[in-house]
Amino acid sequence: MNAADQAPRSGAGELRPTVEEVLLGGGRVHTRRDVVARTGVTAERTAQIWHALGFPVVDDDARVFTDADVDALRAGERLIEAGLITAESETMMARALGHHLSRLAEWQVSTLWAWMSRGPDASGHGGEPVDHAAALLPEMERLQRHVWRRHLAAHAGRMAAEGQGFVPAGPGRPVGAAADGPTAAGEGTDVRELAVGFTDMVGYTRMTRGLDTAELGRVLDRFESLTGDVVAEGGGRVVKTIGDEVLFVCDSASASAGIALELTARVEEEKRLPKVRTGLAHGAVLIRFGDVYGGAVNVAARLTGVARPATVLVDTAFAGELAGTAAYELRALRPVSVRGYNRLRPVVLRPRRRTGAR
């Protein structure tokens, strides 16, 4: 059950309803029956969307919904009526939004709660913390909206560059599909030729045994900060971080090779971080609601698992993309047997040494 939908617990019972109303923009005044009557959406459909967002399904007569919940459901219906999404893709969109935003919300609430717990002087201006939280919430929303729009613009720019414009919807082609760009694979998805990289910290499990939680947090913060900076500088995109590992994609093999080698070099200079290793692969990648899938993703992960510390391994398809590139050296290794691949051929990637360099 989602923490926000549980009954107040001891110690926070008096404060929580006030904070909740601030965050939700109002009280829980509607039942599911009310929502159905106000939106025209069936009870089954409202329950499906609510569950997809990550919240537990509630009784039809329980008052858990706000005016904002009703407005959000109406907004989804307007997108369906406009033909931008379908009822099926609305559920998938709700699931993706719930998954990604719940992680952001968990961090933000933890930060906000720690700030409020310091008492009336938390803001430095006196007054009740909850009042200052209510004033700061629009600022947090404004920041999120700005970052979201910047990423919308960045992705739209890439799509326009790949597709050379948009064409009207038609049989087998969703609204706004690019004329000659990525292959359509269904609503919320497309298929692109991408370079995929996995980078992980070597000996992470052993290292964590000697760290307390604060020290571990600092290591992870530094790793995520460094990898995020290097990937962004190289023109790539971080798909996700999984503990000691980061998954990133890039439009070109050359750019992703530069990212991987730069990551290796930067980490070598970091005394707080263990060495890293990276696996790179190139091929068709299914992009679905912000995540990536396919053979290239699997191969990159397998190559990371067999790479030595401070090395970068690529597959033969990736090596082929770099053929003739003066900046890199490639050396094929013996085939290895890994999960799902009996004869995976790794190729070591190194920066080419300049003539005369010692």
Protein backbone atom coordinates (compact mmCIF):
# COMPACT_ATOMS: atom_id res chain seq x y z
CA MET A 1 0.00 0.00 0.00
CA ASN A 2 1.27 3.48 -0.87
CA ALA A 3 2.39 5.38 2.21
CA ALA A 4 0.31 8.40 1.26
CA ASP A 5 -2.87 6.31 1.36
CA GLN A 6 -2.40 4.78 4.80
CA ALA A 7 -4.13 6.04 7.91
CA PRO A 8 -2.15 8.53 10.05
CA ARG A 9 0.36 6.88 12.34
CA SER A 10 1.43 7.91 15.82
CA GLY A 11 3.59 11.00 16.09
CA ALA A 12 2.39 12.55 12.82
CA GLY A 13 -1.37 12.18 13.20
CA GLU A 14 -2.12 15.82 13.94
CA LEU A 15 0.26 17.25 11.35
CA ARG A 16 -0.33 14.82 8.49
CA PRO A 17 -3.87 15.84 7.43
CA THR A 18 -2.74 19.46 7.12
CA VAL A 19 0.33 18.53 5.10
CA GLU A 20 -1.72 16.17 2.94
CA GLU A 21 -4.26 18.87 2.07
CA VAL A 22 -1.40 21.18 1.11
CA LEU A 23 0.15 18.55 -1.16
CA LEU A 24 -3.13 17.40 -2.71
CA GLY A 25 -4.57 20.86 -3.09
CA GLY A 26 -7.65 19.97 -1.07
CA GLY A 27 -9.29 17.31 1.03
CA ARG A 28 -10.41 13.82 0.09
CA VAL A 29 -14.07 14.56 -0.52
CA HIS A 30 -15.15 12.22 -3.35
CA THR A 31 -15.93 8.51 -3.52
CA ARG A 32 -15.36 6.43 -6.63
CA ARG A 33 -19.06 6.66 -7.33
CA ASP A 34 -18.74 10.47 -7.23
CA VAL A 35 -15.81 10.37 -9.65
CA VAL A 36 -17.78 8.18 -12.07
CA ALA A 37 -20.76 10.53 -11.93
CA ARG A 38 -18.63 13.65 -12.46
CA THR A 39 -16.43 12.33 -15.30
CA GLY A 40 -18.54 9.73 -17.07
CA VAL A 41 -15.65 7.26 -16.84
CA THR A 42 -16.67 3.80 -15.68
CA ALA A 43 -15.81 2.56 -12.19
CA GLU A 44 -13.74 -0.25 -13.70
CA ARG A 45 -11.74 2.20 -15.79
CA THR A 46 -11.11 4.62 -12.93
CA ALA A 47 -9.90 1.74 -10.77
CA GLN A 48 -7.60 0.56 -13.56
CA ILE A 49 -5.98 3.98 -13.96
CA TRP A 50 -5.69 4.51 -10.20
CA HIS A 51 -3.99 1.15 -9.82
CA ALA A 52 -1.68 1.85 -12.78
CA LEU A 53 -0.53 5.04 -11.03
CA GLY A 54 0.67 2.85 -8.17
CA PHE A 55 -2.10 3.35 -5.62
CA PRO A 56 -4.18 0.60 -3.98
CA VAL A 57 -7.74 0.16 -5.22
CA VAL A 58 -10.27 1.37 -2.63
CA ASP A 59 -13.93 0.67 -1.92
CA ASP A 60 -16.44 2.50 -4.09
CA ASP A 61 -17.83 4.35 -1.07
CA ALA A 62 -14.51 5.39 0.48
CA ARG A 63 -13.84 9.13 0.30
CA VAL A 64 -10.28 9.24 -0.97
CA PHE A 65 -10.44 11.37 -4.13
CA THR A 66 -9.97 15.12 -4.47
CA ASP A 67 -11.20 17.69 -6.97
CA ALA A 68 -7.72 17.52 -8.56
CA ASP A 69 -8.14 13.75 -9.10
CA VAL A 70 -11.37 14.43 -10.97
CA ASP A 71 -9.71 17.13 -13.09
CA ALA A 72 -6.78 14.84 -13.93
CA LEU A 73 -9.12 12.07 -15.09
CA ARG A 74 -11.00 14.56 -17.26
CA ALA A 75 -7.68 15.70 -18.78
CA GLY A 76 -6.88 12.12 -19.74
CA GLU A 77 -10.27 11.79 -21.40
CA ARG A 78 -9.64 14.96 -23.41
CA LEU A 79 -6.35 13.51 -24.70
CA ILE A 80 -8.24 10.40 -25.81
CA GLU A 81 -10.93 12.48 -27.51
CA ALA A 82 -8.24 14.45 -29.34
CA GLY A 83 -6.76 11.20 -30.68
CA LEU A 84 -3.37 11.76 -29.05
CA ILE A 85 -3.65 8.58 -26.96
CA THR A 86 -6.02 5.64 -26.65
CA ALA A 87 -7.63 4.14 -23.57
CA GLU A 88 -5.02 1.38 -23.65
CA SER A 89 -2.05 3.73 -23.93
CA GLU A 90 -3.52 5.94 -21.19
CA THR A 91 -3.10 3.06 -18.77
CA MET A 92 0.49 2.49 -19.92
CA MET A 93 1.18 6.22 -19.62
CA ALA A 94 -0.28 6.25 -16.11
CA ARG A 95 1.94 3.32 -15.14
CA ALA A 96 5.06 5.03 -16.50
CA LEU A 97 4.21 8.32 -14.79
CA GLY A 98 3.49 6.59 -11.51
CA HIS A 99 6.72 4.61 -11.64
CA HIS A 100 9.02 7.53 -12.39
CA LEU A 101 7.30 10.24 -10.36
CA SER A 102 6.89 8.11 -7.24
CA ARG A 103 10.68 7.91 -6.92
CA LEU A 104 11.00 11.67 -7.28
CA ALA A 105 8.17 12.23 -4.80
CA GLU A 106 9.73 9.91 -2.23
CA TRP A 107 12.95 11.91 -2.26
CA GLN A 108 11.14 15.26 -2.18
CA VAL A 109 8.87 14.28 0.72
CA SER A 110 11.87 12.99 2.68
CA THR A 111 13.64 16.32 2.14
CA LEU A 112 10.52 18.35 2.93
CA TRP A 113 9.71 16.34 6.06
CA ALA A 114 13.24 16.66 7.41
CA TRP A 115 13.03 20.42 6.85
CA MET A 116 9.64 20.72 8.58
CA SER A 117 10.79 18.58 11.49
CA ARG A 118 13.24 21.27 12.49
CA GLY A 119 10.29 23.24 13.82
CA PRO A 120 9.03 26.83 13.47
CA ASP A 121 12.52 28.17 12.73
CA ALA A 122 13.08 25.81 9.77
CA SER A 123 12.56 28.56 7.18
CA GLY A 124 14.56 31.16 9.03
CA HIS A 125 11.56 33.50 8.90
CA GLY A 126 9.48 32.15 11.78
CA GLY A 127 5.91 30.95 11.42
CA GLU A 128 4.58 27.43 10.97
CA PRO A 129 6.63 25.08 8.76
CA VAL A 130 3.50 23.83 7.02
CA ASP A 131 2.69 27.37 5.88
CA HIS A 132 6.16 27.77 4.41
CA ALA A 133 5.83 24.34 2.77
CA ALA A 134 2.61 25.50 1.12
CA ALA A 135 4.45 28.54 -0.22
CA LEU A 136 7.38 26.48 -1.50
CA LEU A 137 5.30 23.82 -3.25
CA PRO A 138 4.52 26.04 -6.29
CA GLU A 139 8.25 26.73 -6.61
CA MET A 140 8.98 22.99 -6.70
CA GLU A 141 6.26 22.52 -9.31
CA ARG A 142 7.62 25.41 -11.37
CA LEU A 143 11.11 23.88 -11.34
CA GLN A 144 9.82 20.45 -12.34
CA ARG A 145 7.71 21.90 -15.14
CA HIS A 146 10.70 23.83 -16.49
CA VAL A 147 13.00 20.78 -16.52
CA TRP A 148 10.24 18.69 -18.11
CA ARG A 149 9.75 21.25 -20.90
CA ARG A 150 13.49 21.45 -21.52
CA HIS A 151 13.61 17.68 -21.96
CA LEU A 152 10.54 17.83 -24.20
CA ALA A 153 12.33 20.33 -26.40
CA ALA A 154 15.52 18.26 -26.46
CA HIS A 155 13.69 15.06 -27.45
CA ALA A 156 11.55 16.90 -30.00
CA GLY A 157 14.70 18.32 -31.56
CA ARG A 158 16.22 14.87 -31.92
CA MET A 159 13.01 13.46 -33.39
CA ALA A 160 12.79 16.31 -35.91
CA ALA A 161 16.43 15.85 -36.92
CA GLU A 162 15.92 12.11 -37.45
CA GLY A 163 12.51 12.30 -39.10
CA GLN A 164 12.83 15.47 -41.18
CA GLY A 165 9.36 16.61 -40.11
CA PHE A 166 6.04 14.98 -39.32
CA VAL A 167 3.30 13.47 -41.44
CA PRO A 168 -0.42 13.02 -40.82
CA ALA A 169 -1.63 9.94 -38.99
CA GLY A 170 -2.79 7.00 -41.06
CA PRO A 171 -3.14 3.21 -41.00
CA GLY A 172 -0.33 1.83 -38.88
CA ARG A 173 1.05 5.31 -38.22
CA PRO A 174 0.28 7.18 -34.96
CA VAL A 175 -0.37 10.90 -34.84
CA GLY A 176 2.85 12.88 -35.37
CA ALA A 177 4.94 9.91 -36.53
CA ALA A 178 8.11 10.91 -38.31
CA ALA A 179 8.20 10.37 -42.06
CA ASP A 180 11.65 8.78 -42.29
CA GLY A 181 12.75 8.55 -38.67
CA PRO A 182 12.49 5.87 -35.98
CA THR A 183 10.39 2.80 -36.70
CA ALA A 184 6.99 2.91 -35.00
CA ALA A 185 6.55 -0.03 -32.62
CA GLY A 186 3.31 0.91 -30.91
CA GLU A 187 2.01 3.76 -28.79
CA GLY A 188 4.61 5.08 -26.39
CA THR A 189 7.36 3.12 -28.15
CA ASP A 190 9.68 3.31 -31.12
CA VAL A 191 12.70 1.43 -32.45
CA ARG A 192 16.00 3.18 -33.12
CA GLU A 193 19.55 2.25 -34.01
CA LEU A 194 21.45 3.29 -30.90
CA ALA A 195 24.66 2.71 -29.01
CA VAL A 196 23.98 1.28 -25.55
CA GLY A 197 26.36 1.38 -22.60
CA PHE A 198 26.49 -0.21 -19.17
CA THR A 199 29.05 1.06 -16.65
CA ASP A 200 29.43 -0.42 -13.19
CA MET A 201 31.74 -0.11 -10.22
CA VAL A 202 34.08 -3.06 -9.74
CA GLY A 203 34.07 -4.63 -6.29
CA TYR A 204 31.07 -2.61 -5.18
CA THR A 205 29.63 -5.35 -2.93
CA ARG A 206 32.92 -5.85 -1.13
CA MET A 207 33.40 -2.11 -0.73
CA THR A 208 29.95 -1.57 0.81
CA ARG A 209 30.69 -4.01 3.62
CA GLY A 210 33.18 -1.52 5.05
CA LEU A 211 31.01 1.59 4.73
CA ASP A 212 28.29 3.00 6.93
CA THR A 213 25.11 4.27 5.30
CA ALA A 214 26.27 7.90 5.19
CA GLU A 215 29.53 6.97 3.48
CA LEU A 216 27.68 4.69 1.04
CA GLY A 217 25.32 7.54 0.20
CA ARG A 218 28.27 9.81 -0.59
CA VAL A 219 29.83 7.19 -2.86
CA LEU A 220 26.59 6.67 -4.78
CA ASP A 221 25.98 10.42 -5.03
CA ARG A 222 29.46 10.94 -6.48
CA PHE A 223 29.09 8.03 -8.91
CA GLU A 224 25.72 9.26 -10.17
CA SER A 225 26.95 12.84 -10.42
CA LEU A 226 30.09 11.94 -12.32
CA THR A 227 28.41 9.52 -14.73
CA GLY A 228 25.52 11.92 -15.32
CA ASP A 229 27.90 14.78 -16.12
CA VAL A 230 30.08 12.75 -18.48
CA VAL A 231 27.13 11.22 -20.34
CA ALA A 232 25.49 14.63 -20.78
CA GLU A 233 28.77 16.24 -21.91
CA GLY A 234 29.16 13.47 -24.51
CA GLY A 235 25.68 13.96 -25.93
CA GLY A 236 24.20 10.80 -24.44
CA ARG A 237 21.24 10.14 -22.18
CA VAL A 238 21.18 8.30 -18.86
CA VAL A 239 18.31 5.82 -18.97
CA LYS A 240 18.58 4.76 -15.34
CA THR A 241 20.94 4.00 -12.51
CA ILE A 242 20.71 0.69 -10.68
CA GLY A 243 22.78 0.91 -7.52
CA ASP A 244 26.38 0.60 -8.70
CA GLU A 245 25.51 0.60 -12.41
CA VAL A 246 24.41 3.19 -14.96
CA LEU A 247 22.69 2.46 -18.28
CA PHE A 248 23.05 5.08 -21.01
CA VAL A 249 22.32 5.43 -24.71
CA CYS A 250 23.76 7.57 -27.47
CA ASP A 251 22.88 8.23 -31.09
CA SER A 252 26.34 7.31 -32.39
CA ALA A 253 28.93 4.68 -31.55
CA SER A 254 31.73 7.24 -31.69
CA ALA A 255 30.08 9.49 -29.12
CA SER A 256 29.33 6.61 -26.75
CA ALA A 257 32.92 5.35 -27.08
CA GLY A 258 34.14 8.76 -26.01
CA ILE A 259 31.74 8.71 -23.05
CA ALA A 260 32.91 5.29 -21.89
CA LEU A 261 36.61 6.15 -22.12
CA GLU A 262 36.09 9.49 -20.40
CA LEU A 263 34.18 7.80 -17.58
CA THR A 264 37.05 5.36 -17.11
CA ALA A 265 39.61 8.16 -17.00
CA ARG A 266 37.60 10.37 -14.64
CA VAL A 267 36.95 7.57 -12.17
CA GLU A 268 40.66 6.73 -12.15
CA GLU A 269 41.21 10.20 -10.69
CA GLU A 270 38.56 9.71 -7.98
CA LYS A 271 39.99 8.32 -4.75
CA ARG A 272 36.49 7.75 -3.30
CA LEU A 273 35.33 5.53 -6.15
CA PRO A 274 36.43 2.02 -7.17
CA LYS A 275 37.43 1.36 -10.76
CA VAL A 276 34.67 1.01 -13.35
CA ARG A 277 34.19 -1.19 -16.39
CA THR A 278 31.94 -0.62 -19.37
CA GLY A 279 30.22 -2.72 -22.03
CA LEU A 280 29.03 -1.12 -25.28
CA ALA A 281 26.85 -2.53 -28.04
CA HIS A 282 25.15 -1.15 -31.13
CA GLY A 283 21.89 -2.15 -32.78
CA ALA A 284 18.14 -1.83 -32.88
CA VAL A 285 16.75 -0.70 -29.52
CA LEU A 286 13.12 -0.68 -28.45
CA ILE A 287 12.38 2.52 -26.52
CA ARG A 288 9.29 2.14 -24.37
CA PHE A 289 8.14 4.83 -21.93
CA GLY A 290 11.67 5.98 -21.23
CA ASP A 291 13.28 2.54 -20.84
CA VAL A 292 15.22 0.54 -23.44
CA TYR A 293 15.06 -3.11 -24.47
CA GLY A 294 16.54 -5.44 -27.06
CA GLY A 295 19.57 -7.46 -28.03
CA ALA A 296 21.98 -4.53 -27.90
CA VAL A 297 20.95 -3.81 -24.30
CA ASN A 298 21.49 -7.44 -23.32
CA VAL A 299 24.87 -7.66 -25.07
CA ALA A 300 26.13 -4.46 -23.41
CA ALA A 301 25.18 -5.87 -20.01
CA ARG A 302 26.94 -9.19 -20.71
CA LEU A 303 30.09 -7.42 -21.91
CA THR A 304 30.21 -5.39 -18.72
CA GLY A 305 30.12 -8.60 -16.71
CA VAL A 306 33.25 -10.00 -18.42
CA ALA A 307 35.20 -6.73 -18.69
CA ARG A 308 38.24 -6.22 -16.49
CA PRO A 309 38.55 -3.18 -14.20
CA ALA A 310 39.21 0.09 -16.05
CA THR A 311 38.47 -1.45 -19.46
CA VAL A 312 35.83 -0.95 -22.13
CA LEU A 313 34.52 -3.87 -24.19
CA VAL A 314 32.35 -3.52 -27.30
CA ASP A 315 30.60 -6.03 -29.54
CA THR A 316 31.50 -6.62 -33.18
CA ALA A 317 28.57 -4.52 -34.44
CA PHE A 318 29.81 -1.60 -32.38
CA ALA A 319 33.39 -2.15 -33.60
CA GLY A 320 32.09 -2.07 -37.16
CA GLU A 321 30.53 1.33 -36.54
CA LEU A 322 33.97 2.62 -35.45
CA ALA A 323 35.84 1.16 -38.43
CA GLY A 324 38.20 3.76 -39.84
CA THR A 325 37.85 6.07 -36.84
CA ALA A 326 41.29 7.44 -36.05
CA ALA A 327 40.56 8.25 -32.42
CA TYR A 328 40.23 4.65 -31.19
CA GLU A 329 42.10 1.34 -31.15
CA LEU A 330 40.18 -1.95 -31.32
CA ARG A 331 41.50 -5.43 -30.47
CA ALA A 332 39.34 -8.51 -30.79
CA LEU A 333 39.43 -11.10 -27.99
CA ARG A 334 38.50 -14.75 -27.95
CA PRO A 335 34.76 -15.54 -27.94
CA VAL A 336 33.24 -16.02 -24.49
CA SER A 337 30.18 -17.91 -23.32
CA VAL A 338 27.75 -15.82 -21.27
CA ARG A 339 24.11 -16.14 -20.34
CA GLY A 340 22.08 -16.09 -23.54
CA TYR A 341 25.10 -16.03 -25.86
CA ASN A 342 27.34 -19.04 -26.48
CA ARG A 343 29.97 -17.24 -28.52
CA LEU A 344 29.99 -13.54 -27.74
CA ARG A 345 33.05 -11.88 -29.26
CA PRO A 346 34.34 -8.99 -27.12
CA VAL A 347 36.49 -6.27 -28.64
CA VAL A 348 38.68 -4.11 -26.41
CA LEU A 349 38.27 -0.38 -26.99
CA ARG A 350 41.12 2.01 -26.19
CA PRO A 351 41.96 5.59 -27.15
CA ARG A 352 44.53 5.62 -29.92
CA ARG A 353 47.95 6.70 -28.74
CA ARG A 354 49.29 9.75 -30.42
CA THR A 355 52.45 9.27 -32.47
CA GLY A 356 55.49 10.10 -30.41
CA ALA A 357 53.62 9.84 -27.10
CA ARG A 358 55.39 7.92 -24.36
